[in-house]
Protein backbone atom coordinates (compact mmCIF):
# COMPACT_ATOMS: atom_id res chain seq x y z
CA MET A 1 99.94 183.53 -10.45
CA LYS A 2 101.30 187.03 -10.91
CA ALA A 3 104.44 188.11 -9.04
CA LYS A 4 104.00 191.07 -6.69
CA VAL A 5 106.32 194.07 -7.00
CA PRO A 6 107.47 195.47 -3.72
CA LEU A 7 106.16 198.94 -2.89
CA SER A 8 109.67 200.25 -2.28
CA VAL A 9 110.63 199.52 -5.88
CA LEU A 10 107.54 201.28 -7.19
CA ALA A 11 108.35 204.32 -5.17
CA VAL A 12 111.88 204.50 -6.61
CA VAL A 13 110.54 204.17 -10.19
CA ALA A 14 108.01 206.95 -9.60
CA LEU A 15 110.72 209.31 -8.37
CA LEU A 16 112.87 208.57 -11.42
CA LEU A 17 110.00 209.36 -13.80
CA ILE A 18 109.30 212.68 -12.09
CA ALA A 19 113.00 213.69 -12.28
CA CYS A 20 113.19 212.90 -16.00
CA ALA A 21 110.07 214.94 -16.75
CA ALA A 22 111.53 217.93 -14.92
CA ALA A 23 114.81 217.67 -16.83
CA ALA A 24 112.98 217.64 -20.17
CA THR A 25 111.18 221.01 -19.43
CA PRO A 26 113.35 223.93 -20.75
CA THR A 27 114.25 226.72 -18.36
CA SER A 28 112.98 230.15 -19.59
CA THR A 29 115.61 233.00 -19.74
CA PRO A 30 114.15 236.52 -20.11
CA VAL A 31 115.20 238.17 -23.44
CA PRO A 32 115.08 241.91 -23.77
CA SER A 33 112.10 242.93 -25.83
CA ARG A 34 112.85 244.42 -29.28
CA ALA A 35 110.48 247.22 -28.36
CA THR A 36 112.66 248.29 -25.43
CA PRO A 37 114.51 251.47 -26.64
CA ARG A 38 118.21 251.82 -26.08
CA PRO A 39 119.36 254.85 -24.13
CA ALA A 40 119.83 257.81 -26.51
CA ALA A 41 123.40 258.82 -27.17
CA THR A 42 124.40 262.13 -25.61
CA PRO A 43 124.88 264.65 -28.45
CA ALA A 44 128.35 266.12 -28.83
CA LEU A 45 128.57 269.71 -27.62
CA VAL A 46 129.43 272.05 -30.50
CA PRO A 47 130.60 275.52 -29.51
CA PRO A 48 128.45 278.29 -30.98
CA THR A 49 129.89 280.27 -33.87
CA ALA A 50 131.37 283.47 -32.53
CA THR A 51 129.90 286.66 -33.90
CA PRO A 52 132.68 288.82 -35.33
CA THR A 53 133.19 291.93 -33.25
CA LYS A 54 135.38 294.98 -33.57
CA THR A 55 138.65 294.78 -31.70
CA PRO A 56 138.24 297.31 -28.92
CA PRO A 57 140.95 299.96 -28.97
CA GLU A 58 143.40 300.20 -26.14
CA THR A 59 141.95 302.42 -23.43
CA ALA A 60 144.58 301.98 -20.74
CA GLY A 61 148.07 303.30 -20.27
CA PRO A 62 149.81 306.16 -18.45
CA LYS A 63 148.99 308.92 -20.94
CA ILE A 64 145.46 307.66 -21.48
CA GLN A 65 144.93 307.55 -17.71
CA GLU A 66 146.22 311.11 -17.42
CA ILE A 67 143.63 312.28 -19.95
CA LYS A 68 140.87 310.30 -18.23
CA ASN A 69 141.76 311.84 -14.88
CA ARG A 70 141.63 315.29 -16.46
CA GLY A 71 138.39 314.49 -18.24
CA MET A 72 139.34 316.42 -21.37
CA LEU A 73 141.34 315.79 -24.55
CA ILE A 74 143.49 318.82 -25.40
CA ILE A 75 144.46 319.42 -29.02
CA SER A 76 146.40 322.14 -30.82
CA VAL A 77 145.30 323.67 -34.10
CA LYS A 78 146.84 326.39 -36.20
CA LYS A 79 146.17 330.08 -35.93
CA GLU A 80 147.18 331.51 -39.27
CA GLU A 81 145.97 335.05 -39.86
CA SER A 82 147.11 337.90 -42.07
CA PRO A 83 147.62 341.42 -40.62
CA THR A 84 143.99 342.18 -41.61
CA GLY A 85 142.71 339.31 -39.48
CA GLN A 86 141.76 337.15 -42.47
CA HIS A 87 143.00 333.58 -42.79
CA ARG A 88 145.69 333.15 -45.42
CA ASP A 89 144.64 329.53 -45.95
CA VAL A 90 141.58 329.58 -48.23
CA ALA A 91 140.60 326.10 -46.96
CA HIS A 92 141.23 326.98 -43.32
CA PHE A 93 137.74 326.29 -42.00
CA GLN A 94 137.25 323.13 -44.07
CA LYS A 95 140.48 321.67 -42.70
CA ARG A 96 139.75 322.88 -39.18
CA ASP A 97 136.23 321.44 -39.09
CA PHE A 98 137.36 318.09 -40.47
CA GLU A 99 140.24 317.80 -38.02
CA ILE A 100 138.11 318.76 -35.02
CA SER A 101 135.68 316.03 -36.10
CA LEU A 102 138.58 313.57 -35.92
CA ALA A 103 139.45 314.85 -32.44
CA LYS A 104 135.83 314.35 -31.35
CA ALA A 105 135.91 310.74 -32.60
CA ILE A 106 139.05 310.14 -30.52
CA ALA A 107 137.49 311.77 -27.46
CA LYS A 108 134.36 309.65 -27.80
CA THR A 109 136.44 306.45 -27.77
CA LEU A 110 138.69 307.65 -24.98
CA LEU A 111 136.27 309.52 -22.72
CA GLY A 112 132.85 308.39 -23.93
CA ASP A 113 131.89 311.93 -24.95
CA GLU A 114 132.86 313.60 -28.23
CA ASN A 115 132.42 317.05 -26.71
CA LYS A 116 135.21 316.60 -24.18
CA VAL A 117 137.73 318.32 -26.44
CA GLU A 118 139.63 321.49 -25.57
CA VAL A 119 141.05 323.34 -28.57
CA LYS A 120 144.16 325.50 -28.24
CA MET A 121 145.32 327.63 -31.16
CA TYR A 122 149.02 327.98 -31.89
CA PRO A 123 150.97 329.65 -34.69
CA LEU A 124 152.50 327.31 -37.24
CA ALA A 125 155.95 327.24 -35.67
CA ASP A 126 154.60 326.34 -32.24
CA ARG A 127 152.11 323.54 -32.99
CA VAL A 128 154.54 320.63 -32.77
CA PRO A 129 156.62 322.14 -29.92
CA ALA A 130 153.38 322.42 -27.91
CA VAL A 131 153.09 318.63 -28.15
CA GLU A 132 156.71 318.17 -27.16
CA ARG A 133 156.22 320.47 -24.14
CA ASN A 134 153.20 318.37 -23.11
CA GLU A 135 150.92 321.42 -23.24
CA VAL A 136 148.56 319.50 -25.51
CA ASP A 137 147.85 315.82 -26.08
CA LEU A 138 147.62 315.98 -29.87
CA ALA A 139 148.37 318.37 -32.70
CA ILE A 140 145.83 317.99 -35.51
CA SER A 141 146.42 320.76 -38.00
CA ALA A 142 147.41 319.70 -41.53
CA ILE A 143 150.90 318.78 -40.37
CA SER A 144 152.89 317.03 -43.08
CA ILE A 145 154.67 313.90 -41.90
CA SER A 146 158.38 314.47 -42.50
CA GLU A 147 161.58 312.75 -41.44
CA GLU A 148 162.67 315.95 -39.72
CA LEU A 149 159.53 316.22 -37.57
CA LYS A 150 159.56 312.48 -36.82
CA LYS A 151 162.75 313.13 -34.85
CA ILE A 152 160.76 315.38 -32.51
CA VAL A 153 157.33 313.71 -32.23
CA ASN A 154 155.55 310.55 -33.27
CA PHE A 155 152.91 310.62 -35.99
CA SER A 156 149.71 308.68 -36.35
CA ASP A 157 148.84 306.85 -39.52
CA PRO A 158 147.98 309.43 -42.21
CA TYR A 159 144.40 310.66 -42.33
CA ALA A 160 144.70 312.92 -45.39
CA TRP A 161 147.09 313.84 -48.18
CA GLU A 162 147.69 316.68 -50.58
CA GLY A 163 150.28 318.00 -52.98
CA LEU A 164 151.15 320.93 -55.19
CA THR A 165 149.08 321.39 -58.30
CA LEU A 166 148.38 324.03 -60.94
CA MET A 167 145.18 325.98 -61.41
CA ALA A 168 144.49 327.74 -64.72
CA ARG A 169 141.58 329.65 -66.16
CA LYS A 170 139.01 327.23 -67.56
CA GLY A 171 139.30 326.91 -71.34
CA ALA A 172 142.79 328.42 -71.49
CA GLY A 173 143.99 325.38 -73.42
CA ILE A 174 146.69 324.39 -70.91
CA THR A 175 146.89 320.62 -70.55
CA GLY A 176 149.91 320.28 -68.32
CA LEU A 177 153.23 321.65 -67.18
CA GLU A 178 154.62 321.47 -70.73
CA GLY A 179 151.98 323.96 -71.86
CA LEU A 180 153.49 326.56 -69.52
CA LYS A 181 156.96 326.52 -71.07
CA GLY A 182 158.26 330.07 -71.22
CA GLN A 183 155.22 331.33 -69.27
CA THR A 184 154.75 333.03 -65.90
CA VAL A 185 153.18 331.12 -63.02
CA ALA A 186 151.82 332.87 -59.93
CA ALA A 187 153.03 331.65 -56.56
CA THR A 188 152.66 332.52 -52.89
CA THR A 189 154.51 331.91 -49.66
CA GLU A 190 152.90 329.77 -46.94
CA GLY A 191 154.50 328.78 -43.68
CA GLY A 192 157.85 330.09 -44.86
CA ARG A 193 157.71 328.02 -48.05
CA TYR A 194 157.68 329.87 -51.36
CA PHE A 195 155.89 327.68 -53.90
CA GLY A 196 157.63 329.54 -56.73
CA ASN A 197 160.82 327.70 -55.87
CA ASP A 198 158.94 324.40 -56.19
CA ILE A 199 157.53 325.11 -59.67
CA GLU A 200 160.88 326.35 -61.00
CA ARG A 201 162.67 323.27 -59.61
CA ILE A 202 160.07 320.84 -60.99
CA ALA A 203 160.14 322.57 -64.38
CA GLN A 204 163.93 322.47 -64.49
CA GLU A 205 163.88 318.73 -63.71
CA ARG A 206 161.68 318.29 -66.80
CA GLY A 207 163.84 320.52 -68.97
CA LEU A 208 161.35 323.39 -69.00
CA ALA A 209 161.84 327.10 -68.40
CA ILE A 210 159.04 328.50 -66.26
CA THR A 211 159.15 331.79 -64.36
CA ALA A 212 157.42 332.18 -60.98
CA LYS A 213 156.00 335.50 -59.83
CA SER A 214 155.29 336.12 -56.16
CA TYR A 215 151.91 337.34 -54.90
CA GLY A 216 150.80 338.35 -51.43
CA ASP A 217 148.21 335.62 -50.94
CA PHE A 218 146.40 332.93 -52.87
CA GLU A 219 143.34 334.98 -53.75
CA GLU A 220 145.54 337.70 -55.22
CA ALA A 221 147.40 335.09 -57.25
CA ALA A 222 144.12 333.52 -58.42
CA SER A 223 142.88 336.95 -59.50
CA ALA A 224 146.04 337.36 -61.58
CA VAL A 225 145.22 334.09 -63.37
CA GLU A 226 141.61 335.10 -63.92
CA THR A 227 142.60 338.44 -65.45
CA GLY A 228 145.35 336.96 -67.61
CA GLN A 229 148.34 338.43 -65.73
CA ALA A 230 149.58 334.91 -65.05
CA ARG A 231 148.90 331.72 -66.96
CA ALA A 232 148.46 329.59 -63.85
CA VAL A 233 149.02 329.49 -60.10
CA ILE A 234 150.81 326.77 -58.16
CA HIS A 235 149.43 325.97 -54.74
CA ARG A 236 148.28 323.22 -52.39
CA SER A 237 145.72 320.96 -54.03
CA ILE A 238 143.19 321.01 -51.15
CA ASP A 239 143.16 324.82 -51.14
CA ILE A 240 142.68 324.91 -54.90
CA LEU A 241 139.76 322.45 -54.84
CA VAL A 242 138.00 324.38 -52.07
CA TYR A 243 138.54 327.68 -53.90
CA MET A 244 137.29 326.27 -57.21
CA ALA A 245 134.12 325.02 -55.49
CA GLN A 246 133.43 328.60 -54.45
CA LYS A 247 133.86 329.86 -58.02
CA PRO A 248 132.43 327.10 -60.22
CA GLY A 249 133.16 327.21 -63.94
CA VAL A 250 135.97 329.76 -63.70
CA PHE A 251 139.08 327.62 -63.11
CA GLU A 252 140.38 324.09 -63.66
CA THR A 253 143.35 322.08 -62.44
CA VAL A 254 145.98 321.10 -64.99
CA GLY A 255 148.94 318.75 -64.98
CA GLY A 256 147.80 316.53 -62.13
CA THR A 257 149.49 316.51 -58.73
CA LEU A 258 153.14 317.56 -58.89
CA SER A 259 154.04 316.34 -55.39
CA ARG A 260 152.48 314.43 -52.51
CA GLU A 261 152.64 314.73 -48.74
CA GLU A 262 150.57 313.08 -46.01
CA TYR A 263 148.99 314.57 -42.91
CA GLY A 264 149.29 312.86 -39.54
CA ILE A 265 148.39 313.61 -35.93
CA ALA A 266 151.44 314.60 -33.86
CA ILE A 267 151.85 312.82 -30.51
CA LYS A 268 154.58 313.24 -27.91
CA LYS A 269 157.28 310.58 -28.03
CA GLY A 270 156.79 308.02 -25.28
CA ASN A 271 152.99 308.24 -25.32
CA ASP A 272 152.71 304.95 -27.17
CA ASP A 273 149.39 304.03 -25.55
CA LEU A 274 147.79 307.19 -26.94
CA LEU A 275 149.40 306.60 -30.34
CA ARG A 276 147.89 303.11 -30.55
CA LEU A 277 144.45 304.38 -29.58
CA VAL A 278 144.57 307.20 -32.16
CA ASN A 279 145.63 304.77 -34.89
CA SER A 280 142.81 302.37 -33.97
CA VAL A 281 140.25 305.18 -34.23
CA ILE A 282 141.59 306.33 -37.61
CA SER A 283 141.60 302.74 -38.88
CA GLU A 284 137.99 302.15 -37.80
CA LEU A 285 136.83 305.44 -39.34
CA LYS A 286 138.39 304.39 -42.65
CA LYS A 287 136.95 300.86 -42.56
CA SER A 288 133.45 302.04 -41.73
CA GLY A 289 133.52 304.88 -44.26
CA GLU A 290 132.68 307.39 -41.53
CA ILE A 291 135.83 309.39 -42.26
CA LYS A 292 134.41 310.26 -45.67
CA GLN A 293 131.18 311.43 -44.08
CA LEU A 294 133.13 313.65 -41.68
CA ALA A 295 135.02 315.16 -44.62
CA GLU A 296 131.88 315.81 -46.63
CA ARG A 297 130.14 317.50 -43.70
CA ALA A 298 133.15 319.80 -43.32
CA LYS A 299 133.25 320.41 -47.11
CA PHE A 300 136.77 318.98 -47.06
CA PRO A 301 137.69 317.34 -50.41
CA ALA A 302 136.92 313.67 -49.78
CA GLN A 303 139.34 312.56 -52.53
CA HIS A 304 142.15 313.74 -50.27
CA ILE A 305 141.41 311.27 -47.48
CA ALA A 306 144.38 308.94 -47.01
CA LEU A 307 142.66 305.59 -47.53
CA PRO A 308 144.57 302.26 -47.26
């Protein structure tokens, strides 16, 4: 006879079996899919490469503001005439045109219009004093930068240079100053300076005896060289180059440049803002090569531009 199991026991056993089965079933934990993309990294911001630009010149300051209020840049140039009304400087118009071109470049930067330039003509002795008296803003007229004048006015960076040189008849066989030993050299007076004193001093420093003979003007002295009355003429190199271009094949320079001086724009002391602007314009004209173009258009000898 089989023993009977109480129903209560069976119920307990059934519950235990169900609990064990549940414990054996693993619990599923969601895993991120490999296909799920990660958020893209934010790219680092790189500043764009700056495009080089020209440093704008200073266009503010008391003197600059005065010129802007007036609406016109005033410059002084020379007025050198002989009693007959002719210019004693054979390169007068070449220098004048070149220097007015420089003034126009300054006016364009300062006032936005190259034509806003008023030109006043002064005799040699009054060009720099006109700046000092504040009658003009600038003096641009082949003024040599000297320690004496620097006590009176400020000067811009040089824009041109020249010196004394000798001009002889082409084919005369003169190769330099030594070839003129014991000879006569024609000379003129310009701006109170007698170039004969210069050639005699330079010759003496080199142990040479050279005699200078005075002539009324450069063309008269050049004629004396052409006709054989003088072996050579001493004069400013720019004037000689301009004159030779007008008479090709007749003359030649000999002995190189015997001296050197630089031309600057005269500016009243205290007008430092205007001085800085003028220097920035000159610097930019040199860097761009435009200053050479201005010289060539004026038929000013480009080799006499004062380049850095």
